[in-house]
Amino acid sequence: MATTVPILKGLVVGEYGKAQTVTCKDFDGVAQDISSYTGMTVVARSPGGTKTVSATGSFATDGTDGGVAWSYSTGTYLDRDGTWDGQVVLTKTGYKTKSYPFQMEVAKSLGA
């Protein structure tokens, strides 16, 4: 049985300040309650694995629906087009867990 990797679309090279959202789900597609976690980071790895970018995440709502939101800043944005790998890292005292990887399709920019 093949597993489908979720794909986040709508990103363009060089964008920052634009909110992105993913939902942490189990393999059955059920959203996970992540409200007890106190820290979250979204890690992105470039096509070819030569660059890693991290952004601080927050609950998209209250965490009970598994929603994580983040945005890139001027110094930490996706700087090349292609398919990036992403992962949410959740922490709380004495515990760290990671989401299943997802992909982000990043379109090329036409300039400026």
PDB file of N, CA and C in Angstrom:
ATOM      1  N   MET A   1       0.832  -1.175   0.000  1.00  0.00           N
ATOM      2  CA  MET A   1       0.000   0.000   0.000  1.00  0.00           C
ATOM      3  C   MET A   1       0.882   1.246   0.000  1.00  0.00           C
ATOM      4  N   ALA A   2       0.668   2.136  -0.933  1.00  0.00           N
ATOM      5  CA  ALA A   2       1.468   3.354  -1.049  1.00  0.00           C
ATOM      6  C   ALA A   2       0.952   4.416  -0.080  1.00  0.00           C
ATOM      7  N   THR A   3       1.879   5.188   0.448  1.00  0.00           N
ATOM      8  CA  THR A   3       1.529   6.298   1.324  1.00  0.00           C
ATOM      9  C   THR A   3       1.680   7.585   0.531  1.00  0.00           C
ATOM     10  N   THR A   4       0.675   8.419   0.571  1.00  0.00           N
ATOM     11  CA  THR A   4       0.717   9.695  -0.127  1.00  0.00           C
ATOM     12  C   THR A   4       1.342  10.748   0.779  1.00  0.00           C
ATOM     13  N   VAL A   5       2.356  11.459   0.269  1.00  0.00           N
ATOM     14  CA  VAL A   5       2.988  12.533   1.020  1.00  0.00           C
ATOM     15  C   VAL A   5       2.200  13.814   0.758  1.00  0.00           C
ATOM     16  N   PRO A   6       1.738  14.488   1.807  1.00  0.00           N
ATOM     17  CA  PRO A   6       0.997  15.735   1.612  1.00  0.00           C
ATOM     18  C   PRO A   6       1.860  16.785   0.915  1.00  0.00           C
ATOM     19  N   ILE A   7       1.238  17.578   0.047  1.00  0.00           N
ATOM     20  CA  ILE A   7       1.949  18.623  -0.685  1.00  0.00           C
ATOM     21  C   ILE A   7       1.297  19.967  -0.403  1.00  0.00           C
ATOM     22  N   LEU A   8       2.107  20.911   0.071  1.00  0.00           N
ATOM     23  CA  LEU A   8       1.665  22.283   0.315  1.00  0.00           C
ATOM     24  C   LEU A   8       1.996  23.093  -0.932  1.00  0.00           C
ATOM     25  N   LYS A   9       0.996  23.741  -1.501  1.00  0.00           N
ATOM     26  CA  LYS A   9       1.190  24.514  -2.729  1.00  0.00           C
ATOM     27  C   LYS A   9       0.932  25.992  -2.467  1.00  0.00           C
ATOM     28  N   GLY A  10       1.300  26.828  -3.439  1.00  0.00           N
ATOM     29  CA  GLY A  10       1.027  28.256  -3.341  1.00  0.00           C
ATOM     30  C   GLY A  10       2.189  29.087  -2.847  1.00  0.00           C
ATOM     31  N   LEU A  11       3.385  28.502  -2.767  1.00  0.00           N
ATOM     32  CA  LEU A  11       4.567  29.244  -2.336  1.00  0.00           C
ATOM     33  C   LEU A  11       5.362  29.699  -3.562  1.00  0.00           C
ATOM     34  N   VAL A  12       6.019  30.861  -3.442  1.00  0.00           N
ATOM     35  CA  VAL A  12       6.851  31.407  -4.507  1.00  0.00           C
ATOM     36  C   VAL A  12       8.189  31.809  -3.902  1.00  0.00           C
ATOM     37  N   VAL A  13       9.269  31.583  -4.634  1.00  0.00           N
ATOM     38  CA  VAL A  13      10.615  31.941  -4.178  1.00  0.00           C
ATOM     39  C   VAL A  13      10.639  33.385  -3.672  1.00  0.00           C
ATOM     40  N   GLY A  14      11.247  33.592  -2.505  1.00  0.00           N
ATOM     41  CA  GLY A  14      11.454  34.931  -1.964  1.00  0.00           C
ATOM     42  C   GLY A  14      10.320  35.512  -1.147  1.00  0.00           C
ATOM     43  N   GLU A  15       9.197  34.813  -1.038  1.00  0.00           N
ATOM     44  CA  GLU A  15       8.083  35.332  -0.239  1.00  0.00           C
ATOM     45  C   GLU A  15       8.409  35.262   1.247  1.00  0.00           C
ATOM     46  N   TYR A  16       7.929  36.234   1.986  1.00  0.00           N
ATOM     47  CA  TYR A  16       7.996  36.170   3.445  1.00  0.00           C
ATOM     48  C   TYR A  16       6.837  36.946   4.031  1.00  0.00           C
ATOM     49  N   GLY A  17       6.485  36.623   5.279  1.00  0.00           N
ATOM     50  CA  GLY A  17       5.366  37.272   5.951  1.00  0.00           C
ATOM     51  C   GLY A  17       4.007  36.670   5.624  1.00  0.00           C
ATOM     52  N   LYS A  18       3.954  35.770   4.681  1.00  0.00           N
ATOM     53  CA  LYS A  18       2.699  35.126   4.264  1.00  0.00           C
ATOM     54  C   LYS A  18       2.499  33.875   5.114  1.00  0.00           C
ATOM     55  N   ALA A  19       1.365  33.780   5.789  1.00  0.00           N
ATOM     56  CA  ALA A  19       1.109  32.645   6.689  1.00  0.00           C
ATOM     57  C   ALA A  19       0.899  31.353   5.914  1.00  0.00           C
ATOM     58  N   GLN A  20       1.524  30.290   6.389  1.00  0.00           N
ATOM     59  CA  GLN A  20       1.354  28.934   5.868  1.00  0.00           C
ATOM     60  C   GLN A  20       0.738  28.106   6.988  1.00  0.00           C
ATOM     61  N   THR A  21      -0.031  27.102   6.642  1.00  0.00           N
ATOM     62  CA  THR A  21      -0.670  26.262   7.651  1.00  0.00           C
ATOM     63  C   THR A  21      -0.661  24.806   7.219  1.00  0.00           C
ATOM     64  N   VAL A  22      -0.354  23.916   8.151  1.00  0.00           N
ATOM     65  CA  VAL A  22      -0.506  22.473   7.944  1.00  0.00           C
ATOM     66  C   VAL A  22      -1.245  21.910   9.147  1.00  0.00           C
ATOM     67  N   THR A  23      -1.806  20.725   8.970  1.00  0.00           N
ATOM     68  CA  THR A  23      -2.493  20.043  10.065  1.00  0.00           C
ATOM     69  C   THR A  23      -1.784  18.730  10.347  1.00  0.00           C
ATOM     70  N   CYS A  24      -1.407  18.520  11.598  1.00  0.00           N
ATOM     71  CA  CYS A  24      -0.758  17.278  12.012  1.00  0.00           C
ATOM     72  C   CYS A  24      -1.828  16.200  12.152  1.00  0.00           C
ATOM     73  N   LYS A  25      -1.701  15.137  11.346  1.00  0.00           N
ATOM     74  CA  LYS A  25      -2.665  14.041  11.336  1.00  0.00           C
ATOM     75  C   LYS A  25      -1.938  12.709  11.472  1.00  0.00           C
ATOM     76  N   ASP A  26      -2.657  11.695  11.942  1.00  0.00           N
ATOM     77  CA  ASP A  26      -2.084  10.357  11.972  1.00  0.00           C
ATOM     78  C   ASP A  26      -2.290   9.710  10.598  1.00  0.00           C
ATOM     79  N   PHE A  27      -1.817   8.457  10.444  1.00  0.00           N
ATOM     80  CA  PHE A  27      -1.905   7.788   9.149  1.00  0.00           C
ATOM     81  C   PHE A  27      -3.342   7.528   8.699  1.00  0.00           C
ATOM     82  N   ASP A  28      -4.291   7.588   9.631  1.00  0.00           N
ATOM     83  CA  ASP A  28      -5.695   7.410   9.271  1.00  0.00           C
ATOM     84  C   ASP A  28      -6.358   8.727   8.887  1.00  0.00           C
ATOM     85  N   GLY A  29      -5.579   9.824   8.911  1.00  0.00           N
ATOM     86  CA  GLY A  29      -6.118  11.131   8.539  1.00  0.00           C
ATOM     87  C   GLY A  29      -6.820  11.871   9.657  1.00  0.00           C
ATOM     88  N   VAL A  30      -6.648  11.405  10.887  1.00  0.00           N
ATOM     89  CA  VAL A  30      -7.291  12.041  12.040  1.00  0.00           C
ATOM     90  C   VAL A  30      -6.367  13.133  12.593  1.00  0.00           C
ATOM     91  N   ALA A  31      -6.895  14.358  12.705  1.00  0.00           N
ATOM     92  CA  ALA A  31      -6.114  15.461  13.263  1.00  0.00           C
ATOM     93  C   ALA A  31      -5.719  15.143  14.702  1.00  0.00           C
ATOM     94  N   GLN A  32      -4.482  15.475  15.045  1.00  0.00           N
ATOM     95  CA  GLN A  32      -3.954  15.188  16.374  1.00  0.00           C
ATOM     96  C   GLN A  32      -4.044  16.419  17.279  1.00  0.00           C
ATOM     97  N   ASP A  33      -4.392  16.203  18.538  1.00  0.00           N
ATOM     98  CA  ASP A  33      -4.439  17.279  19.524  1.00  0.00           C
ATOM     99  C   ASP A  33      -2.996  17.590  19.936  1.00  0.00           C
ATOM    100  N   ILE A  34      -2.498  18.752  19.563  1.00  0.00           N
ATOM    101  CA  ILE A  34      -1.119  19.139  19.894  1.00  0.00           C
ATOM    102  C   ILE A  34      -1.094  20.290  20.906  1.00  0.00           C
ATOM    103  N   SER A  35      -2.221  20.538  21.554  1.00  0.00           N
ATOM    104  CA  SER A  35      -2.360  21.709  22.429  1.00  0.00           C
ATOM    105  C   SER A  35      -1.444  21.693  23.646  1.00  0.00           C
ATOM    106  N   SER A  36      -0.895  20.543  24.018  1.00  0.00           N
ATOM    107  CA  SER A  36      -0.023  20.489  25.200  1.00  0.00           C
ATOM    108  C   SER A  36       1.426  20.855  24.890  1.00  0.00           C
ATOM    109  N   TYR A  37       1.756  21.027  23.622  1.00  0.00           N
ATOM    110  CA  TYR A  37       3.140  21.359  23.250  1.00  0.00           C
ATOM    111  C   TYR A  37       3.394  22.848  23.441  1.00  0.00           C
ATOM    112  N   THR A  38       4.595  23.173  23.905  1.00  0.00           N
ATOM    113  CA  THR A  38       4.938  24.556  24.205  1.00  0.00           C
ATOM    114  C   THR A  38       5.871  25.185  23.178  1.00  0.00           C
ATOM    115  N   GLY A  39       6.452  24.366  22.316  1.00  0.00           N
ATOM    116  CA  GLY A  39       7.331  24.892  21.280  1.00  0.00           C
ATOM    117  C   GLY A  39       7.074  24.186  19.966  1.00  0.00           C
ATOM    118  N   MET A  40       7.164  24.939  18.867  1.00  0.00           N
ATOM    119  CA  MET A  40       7.035  24.303  17.560  1.00  0.00           C
ATOM    120  C   MET A  40       7.880  25.051  16.544  1.00  0.00           C
ATOM    121  N   THR A  41       8.543  24.259  15.721  1.00  0.00           N
ATOM    122  CA  THR A  41       9.392  24.773  14.663  1.00  0.00           C
ATOM    123  C   THR A  41       9.023  24.045  13.379  1.00  0.00           C
ATOM    124  N   VAL A  42       9.020  24.765  12.281  1.00  0.00           N
ATOM    125  CA  VAL A  42       8.807  24.145  10.982  1.00  0.00           C
ATOM    126  C   VAL A  42      10.142  24.190  10.250  1.00  0.00           C
ATOM    127  N   VAL A  43      10.628  23.027   9.865  1.00  0.00           N
ATOM    128  CA  VAL A  43      11.919  22.898   9.195  1.00  0.00           C
ATOM    129  C   VAL A  43      11.664  22.580   7.727  1.00  0.00           C
ATOM    130  N   ALA A  44      12.372  23.265   6.845  1.00  0.00           N
ATOM    131  CA  ALA A  44      12.264  23.015   5.405  1.00  0.00           C
ATOM    132  C   ALA A  44      13.652  22.735   4.841  1.00  0.00           C
ATOM    133  N   ARG A  45      13.747  21.705   3.996  1.00  0.00           N
ATOM    134  CA  ARG A  45      15.016  21.360   3.352  1.00  0.00           C
ATOM    135  C   ARG A  45      14.868  21.542   1.845  1.00  0.00           C
ATOM    136  N   SER A  46      15.808  22.232   1.255  1.00  0.00           N
ATOM    137  CA  SER A  46      15.741  22.580  -0.163  1.00  0.00           C
ATOM    138  C   SER A  46      15.866  21.357  -1.067  1.00  0.00           C
ATOM    139  N   PRO A  47      15.453  21.522  -2.335  1.00  0.00           N
ATOM    140  CA  PRO A  47      15.682  20.448  -3.301  1.00  0.00           C
ATOM    141  C   PRO A  47      17.190  20.148  -3.364  1.00  0.00           C
ATOM    142  N   GLY A  48      17.553  18.916  -3.296  1.00  0.00           N
ATOM    143  CA  GLY A  48      18.964  18.543  -3.268  1.00  0.00           C
ATOM    144  C   GLY A  48      19.562  18.542  -1.877  1.00  0.00           C
ATOM    145  N   GLY A  49      18.831  19.052  -0.881  1.00  0.00           N
ATOM    146  CA  GLY A  49      19.260  18.997   0.513  1.00  0.00           C
ATOM    147  C   GLY A  49      20.405  19.906   0.896  1.00  0.00           C
ATOM    148  N   THR A  50      20.680  20.959   0.124  1.00  0.00           N
ATOM    149  CA  THR A  50      21.836  21.807   0.402  1.00  0.00           C
ATOM    150  C   THR A  50      21.549  22.960   1.359  1.00  0.00           C
ATOM    151  N   LYS A  51      20.271  23.243   1.641  1.00  0.00           N
ATOM    152  CA  LYS A  51      19.928  24.341   2.537  1.00  0.00           C
ATOM    153  C   LYS A  51      18.776  23.924   3.440  1.00  0.00           C
ATOM    154  N   THR A  52      18.849  24.331   4.704  1.00  0.00           N
ATOM    155  CA  THR A  52      17.769  24.101   5.659  1.00  0.00           C
ATOM    156  C   THR A  52      17.319  25.444   6.212  1.00  0.00           C
ATOM    157  N   VAL A  53      16.008  25.644   6.231  1.00  0.00           N
ATOM    158  CA  VAL A  53      15.414  26.877   6.736  1.00  0.00           C
ATOM    159  C   VAL A  53      14.446  26.498   7.852  1.00  0.00           C
ATOM    160  N   SER A  54      14.490  27.231   8.964  1.00  0.00           N
ATOM    161  CA  SER A  54      13.574  26.982  10.077  1.00  0.00           C
ATOM    162  C   SER A  54      12.745  28.216  10.364  1.00  0.00           C
ATOM    163  N   ALA A  55      11.499  27.998  10.766  1.00  0.00           N
ATOM    164  CA  ALA A  55      10.607  29.087  11.167  1.00  0.00           C
ATOM    165  C   ALA A  55       9.882  28.665  12.437  1.00  0.00           C
ATOM    166  N   THR A  56       9.650  29.614  13.320  1.00  0.00           N
ATOM    167  CA  THR A  56       8.903  29.341  14.549  1.00  0.00           C
ATOM    168  C   THR A  56       7.429  29.201  14.213  1.00  0.00           C
ATOM    169  N   GLY A  57       6.827  28.132  14.694  1.00  0.00           N
ATOM    170  CA  GLY A  57       5.414  27.891  14.451  1.00  0.00           C
ATOM    171  C   GLY A  57       4.565  28.311  15.635  1.00  0.00           C
ATOM    172  N   SER A  58       3.254  28.338  15.402  1.00  0.00           N
ATOM    173  CA  SER A  58       2.282  28.618  16.459  1.00  0.00           C
ATOM    174  C   SER A  58       1.025  27.817  16.154  1.00  0.00           C
ATOM    175  N   PHE A  59       0.134  27.727  17.114  1.00  0.00           N
ATOM    176  CA  PHE A  59      -1.123  27.038  16.873  1.00  0.00           C
ATOM    177  C   PHE A  59      -1.939  27.840  15.862  1.00  0.00           C
ATOM    178  N   ALA A  60      -2.498  27.169  14.877  1.00  0.00           N
ATOM    179  CA  ALA A  60      -3.367  27.847  13.912  1.00  0.00           C
ATOM    180  C   ALA A  60      -4.657  28.290  14.592  1.00  0.00           C
ATOM    181  N   THR A  61      -5.125  27.496  15.557  1.00  0.00           N
ATOM    182  CA  THR A  61      -6.282  27.867  16.387  1.00  0.00           C
ATOM    183  C   THR A  61      -5.868  27.685  17.841  1.00  0.00           C
ATOM    184  N   ASP A  62      -6.321  26.599  18.473  1.00  0.00           N
ATOM    185  CA  ASP A  62      -5.942  26.345  19.867  1.00  0.00           C
ATOM    186  C   ASP A  62      -5.115  25.077  20.039  1.00  0.00           C
ATOM    187  N   GLY A  63      -4.768  24.434  18.932  1.00  0.00           N
ATOM    188  CA  GLY A  63      -3.943  23.229  18.982  1.00  0.00           C
ATOM    189  C   GLY A  63      -4.719  21.930  19.035  1.00  0.00           C
ATOM    190  N   THR A  64      -5.983  21.977  19.414  1.00  0.00           N
ATOM    191  CA  THR A  64      -6.751  20.734  19.519  1.00  0.00           C
ATOM    192  C   THR A  64      -7.064  20.134  18.151  1.00  0.00           C
ATOM    193  N   ASP A  65      -6.978  20.954  17.100  1.00  0.00           N
ATOM    194  CA  ASP A  65      -7.268  20.477  15.747  1.00  0.00           C
ATOM    195  C   ASP A  65      -6.006  20.123  14.958  1.00  0.00           C
ATOM    196  N   GLY A  66      -4.841  20.180  15.607  1.00  0.00           N
ATOM    197  CA  GLY A  66      -3.582  19.811  14.958  1.00  0.00           C
ATOM    198  C   GLY A  66      -2.996  20.869  14.054  1.00  0.00           C
ATOM    199  N   GLY A  67      -3.624  22.034  13.956  1.00  0.00           N
ATOM    200  CA  GLY A  67      -3.171  23.074  13.032  1.00  0.00           C
ATOM    201  C   GLY A  67      -1.935  23.817  13.518  1.00  0.00           C
ATOM    202  N   VAL A  68      -0.946  23.928  12.628  1.00  0.00           N
ATOM    203  CA  VAL A  68       0.290  24.667  12.897  1.00  0.00           C
ATOM    204  C   VAL A  68       0.424  25.751  11.832  1.00  0.00           C
ATOM    205  N   ALA A  69       0.695  26.978  12.254  1.00  0.00           N
ATOM    206  CA  ALA A  69       0.876  28.097  11.332  1.00  0.00           C
ATOM    207  C   ALA A  69       2.284  28.664  11.498  1.00  0.00           C
ATOM    208  N   TRP A  70       2.819  29.204  10.410  1.00  0.00           N
ATOM    209  CA  TRP A  70       4.127  29.848  10.441  1.00  0.00           C
ATOM    210  C   TRP A  70       4.250  30.756   9.236  1.00  0.00           C
ATOM    211  N   SER A  71       5.253  31.618   9.272  1.00  0.00           N
ATOM    212  CA  SER A  71       5.599  32.406   8.091  1.00  0.00           C
ATOM    213  C   SER A  71       7.109  32.594   8.079  1.00  0.00           C
ATOM    214  N   TYR A  72       7.625  32.777   6.900  1.00  0.00           N
ATOM    215  CA  TYR A  72       9.056  33.004   6.753  1.00  0.00           C
ATOM    216  C   TYR A  72       9.331  34.492   6.893  1.00  0.00           C
ATOM    217  N   SER A  73      10.568  34.830   7.276  1.00  0.00           N
ATOM    218  CA  SER A  73      10.951  36.235   7.450  1.00  0.00           C
ATOM    219  C   SER A  73      11.979  36.614   6.383  1.00  0.00           C
ATOM    220  N   THR A  74      12.404  37.865   6.416  1.00  0.00           N
ATOM    221  CA  THR A  74      13.330  38.355   5.398  1.00  0.00           C
ATOM    222  C   THR A  74      14.632  37.570   5.355  1.00  0.00           C
ATOM    223  N   GLY A  75      15.077  37.047   6.469  1.00  0.00           N
ATOM    224  CA  GLY A  75      16.335  36.304   6.501  1.00  0.00           C
ATOM    225  C   GLY A  75      16.168  34.800   6.377  1.00  0.00           C
ATOM    226  N   THR A  76      14.936  34.315   6.463  1.00  0.00           N
ATOM    227  CA  THR A  76      14.695  32.867   6.420  1.00  0.00           C
ATOM    228  C   THR A  76      13.529  32.542   5.512  1.00  0.00           C
ATOM    229  N   TYR A  77      13.745  32.654   4.232  1.00  0.00           N
ATOM    230  CA  TYR A  77      12.694  32.331   3.276  1.00  0.00           C
ATOM    231  C   TYR A  77      13.190  31.267   2.299  1.00  0.00           C
ATOM    232  N   LEU A  78      12.299  30.743   1.511  1.00  0.00           N
ATOM    233  CA  LEU A  78      12.634  29.712   0.538  1.00  0.00           C
ATOM    234  C   LEU A  78      13.227  30.398  -0.683  1.00  0.00           C
ATOM    235  N   ASP A  79      14.509  30.154  -0.940  1.00  0.00           N
ATOM    236  CA  ASP A  79      15.250  30.942  -1.930  1.00  0.00           C
ATOM    237  C   ASP A  79      15.455  30.261  -3.282  1.00  0.00           C
ATOM    238  N   ARG A  80      14.828  29.116  -3.489  1.00  0.00           N
ATOM    239  CA  ARG A  80      14.932  28.450  -4.798  1.00  0.00           C
ATOM    240  C   ARG A  80      13.654  27.675  -5.081  1.00  0.00           C
ATOM    241  N   ASP A  81      13.363  27.551  -6.365  1.00  0.00           N
ATOM    242  CA  ASP A  81      12.143  26.841  -6.744  1.00  0.00           C
ATOM    243  C   ASP A  81      12.379  25.337  -6.711  1.00  0.00           C
ATOM    244  N   GLY A  82      11.282  24.609  -6.732  1.00  0.00           N
ATOM    245  CA  GLY A  82      11.341  23.153  -6.695  1.00  0.00           C
ATOM    246  C   GLY A  82      10.567  22.604  -5.515  1.00  0.00           C
ATOM    247  N   THR A  83      10.736  21.327  -5.264  1.00  0.00           N
ATOM    248  CA  THR A  83      10.023  20.658  -4.181  1.00  0.00           C
ATOM    249  C   THR A  83      10.897  20.600  -2.932  1.00  0.00           C
ATOM    250  N   TRP A  84      10.476  21.304  -1.909  1.00  0.00           N
ATOM    251  CA  TRP A  84      11.156  21.312  -0.612  1.00  0.00           C
ATOM    252  C   TRP A  84      10.503  20.267   0.282  1.00  0.00           C
ATOM    253  N   ASP A  85      11.277  19.678   1.181  1.00  0.00           N
ATOM    254  CA  ASP A  85      10.751  18.777   2.202  1.00  0.00           C
ATOM    255  C   ASP A  85      10.508  19.584   3.465  1.00  0.00           C
ATOM    256  N   GLY A  86       9.390  19.318   4.150  1.00  0.00           N
ATOM    257  CA  GLY A  86       9.063  20.035   5.372  1.00  0.00           C
ATOM    258  C   GLY A  86       8.724  19.080   6.503  1.00  0.00           C
ATOM    259  N   GLN A  87       8.892  19.574   7.733  1.00  0.00           N
ATOM    260  CA  GLN A  87       8.556  18.780   8.908  1.00  0.00           C
ATOM    261  C   GLN A  87       8.295  19.720  10.078  1.00  0.00           C
ATOM    262  N   VAL A  88       7.281  19.386  10.871  1.00  0.00           N
ATOM    263  CA  VAL A  88       6.971  20.136  12.086  1.00  0.00           C
ATOM    264  C   VAL A  88       7.639  19.428  13.259  1.00  0.00           C
ATOM    265  N   VAL A  89       8.348  20.201  14.095  1.00  0.00           N
ATOM    266  CA  VAL A  89       8.976  19.665  15.297  1.00  0.00           C
ATOM    267  C   VAL A  89       8.268  20.280  16.500  1.00  0.00           C
ATOM    268  N   LEU A  90       7.681  19.422  17.349  1.00  0.00           N
ATOM    269  CA  LEU A  90       6.924  19.854  18.525  1.00  0.00           C
ATOM    270  C   LEU A  90       7.690  19.482  19.787  1.00  0.00           C
ATOM    271  N   THR A  91       7.747  20.401  20.749  1.00  0.00           N
ATOM    272  CA  THR A  91       8.463  20.129  21.996  1.00  0.00           C
ATOM    273  C   THR A  91       7.631  20.549  23.209  1.00  0.00           C
ATOM    274  N   LYS A  92       7.919  19.879  24.306  1.00  0.00           N
ATOM    275  CA  LYS A  92       7.443  20.269  25.632  1.00  0.00           C
ATOM    276  C   LYS A  92       8.457  19.700  26.606  1.00  0.00           C
ATOM    277  N   THR A  93       8.361  20.021  27.858  1.00  0.00           N
ATOM    278  CA  THR A  93       9.351  19.604  28.839  1.00  0.00           C
ATOM    279  C   THR A  93       9.607  18.103  28.761  1.00  0.00           C
ATOM    280  N   GLY A  94      10.849  17.745  28.474  1.00  0.00           N
ATOM    281  CA  GLY A  94      11.256  16.345  28.448  1.00  0.00           C
ATOM    282  C   GLY A  94      10.773  15.548  27.250  1.00  0.00           C
ATOM    283  N   TYR A  95      10.288  16.222  26.182  1.00  0.00           N
ATOM    284  CA  TYR A  95       9.701  15.485  25.071  1.00  0.00           C
ATOM    285  C   TYR A  95       9.848  16.259  23.769  1.00  0.00           C
ATOM    286  N   LYS A  96      10.183  15.551  22.709  1.00  0.00           N
ATOM    287  CA  LYS A  96      10.235  16.131  21.364  1.00  0.00           C
ATOM    288  C   LYS A  96       9.677  15.113  20.388  1.00  0.00           C
ATOM    289  N   THR A  97       8.800  15.558  19.487  1.00  0.00           N
ATOM    290  CA  THR A  97       8.255  14.684  18.458  1.00  0.00           C
ATOM    291  C   THR A  97       8.248  15.430  17.134  1.00  0.00           C
ATOM    292  N   LYS A  98       8.225  14.675  16.050  1.00  0.00           N
ATOM    293  CA  LYS A  98       8.254  15.269  14.718  1.00  0.00           C
ATOM    294  C   LYS A  98       7.088  14.753  13.897  1.00  0.00           C
ATOM    295  N   SER A  99       6.571  15.612  13.025  1.00  0.00           N
ATOM    296  CA  SER A  99       5.490  15.207  12.140  1.00  0.00           C
ATOM    297  C   SER A  99       6.034  14.294  11.044  1.00  0.00           C
ATOM    298  N   TYR A 100       5.128  13.644  10.369  1.00  0.00           N
ATOM    299  CA  TYR A 100       5.520  12.946   9.149  1.00  0.00           C
ATOM    300  C   TYR A 100       5.953  14.018   8.156  1.00  0.00           C
ATOM    301  N   PRO A 101       6.950  13.750   7.343  1.00  0.00           N
ATOM    302  CA  PRO A 101       7.380  14.759   6.373  1.00  0.00           C
ATOM    303  C   PRO A 101       6.274  15.101   5.372  1.00  0.00           C
ATOM    304  N   PHE A 102       6.315  16.322   4.901  1.00  0.00           N
ATOM    305  CA  PHE A 102       5.425  16.780   3.838  1.00  0.00           C
ATOM    306  C   PHE A 102       6.283  17.510   2.805  1.00  0.00           C
ATOM    307  N   GLN A 103       5.698  17.847   1.690  1.00  0.00           N
ATOM    308  CA  GLN A 103       6.436  18.557   0.650  1.00  0.00           C
ATOM    309  C   GLN A 103       5.808  19.912   0.399  1.00  0.00           C
ATOM    310  N   MET A 104       6.646  20.847  -0.054  1.00  0.00           N
ATOM    311  CA  MET A 104       6.195  22.183  -0.410  1.00  0.00           C
ATOM    312  C   MET A 104       6.645  22.467  -1.833  1.00  0.00           C
ATOM    313  N   GLU A 105       5.696  22.733  -2.703  1.00  0.00           N
ATOM    314  CA  GLU A 105       6.027  23.093  -4.081  1.00  0.00           C
ATOM    315  C   GLU A 105       6.253  24.599  -4.133  1.00  0.00           C
ATOM    316  N   VAL A 106       7.472  24.991  -4.499  1.00  0.00           N
ATOM    317  CA  VAL A 106       7.835  26.396  -4.540  1.00  0.00           C
ATOM    318  C   VAL A 106       8.041  26.806  -5.994  1.00  0.00           C
ATOM    319  N   ALA A 107       7.240  27.771  -6.440  1.00  0.00           N
ATOM    320  CA  ALA A 107       7.317  28.239  -7.820  1.00  0.00           C
ATOM    321  C   ALA A 107       8.412  29.281  -7.966  1.00  0.00           C
ATOM    322  N   LYS A 108       8.951  29.403  -9.172  1.00  0.00           N
ATOM    323  CA  LYS A 108       9.984  30.424  -9.394  1.00  0.00           C
ATOM    324  C   LYS A 108       9.353  31.808  -9.409  1.00  0.00           C
ATOM    325  N   SER A 109      10.156  32.791  -9.057  1.00  0.00           N
ATOM    326  CA  SER A 109       9.733  34.182  -9.067  1.00  0.00           C
ATOM    327  C   SER A 109      10.174  34.820 -10.384  1.00  0.00           C
ATOM    328  N   LEU A 110       9.393  35.768 -10.846  1.00  0.00           N
ATOM    329  CA  LEU A 110       9.739  36.464 -12.087  1.00  0.00           C
ATOM    330  C   LEU A 110      10.554  37.732 -11.817  1.00  0.00           C
ATOM    331  N   GLY A 111      10.981  37.895 -10.571  1.00  0.00           N
ATOM    332  CA  GLY A 111      11.835  39.036 -10.224  1.00  0.00           C
ATOM    333  C   GLY A 111      11.281  39.833  -9.069  1.00  0.00           C
ATOM    334  N   ALA A 112      12.012  40.921  -8.758  1.00  0.00           N
ATOM    335  CA  ALA A 112      11.678  41.848  -7.675  1.00  0.00           C
ATOM    336  C   ALA A 112      11.095  41.099  -6.532  1.00  0.00           C
TER     337      ALA A 112
END
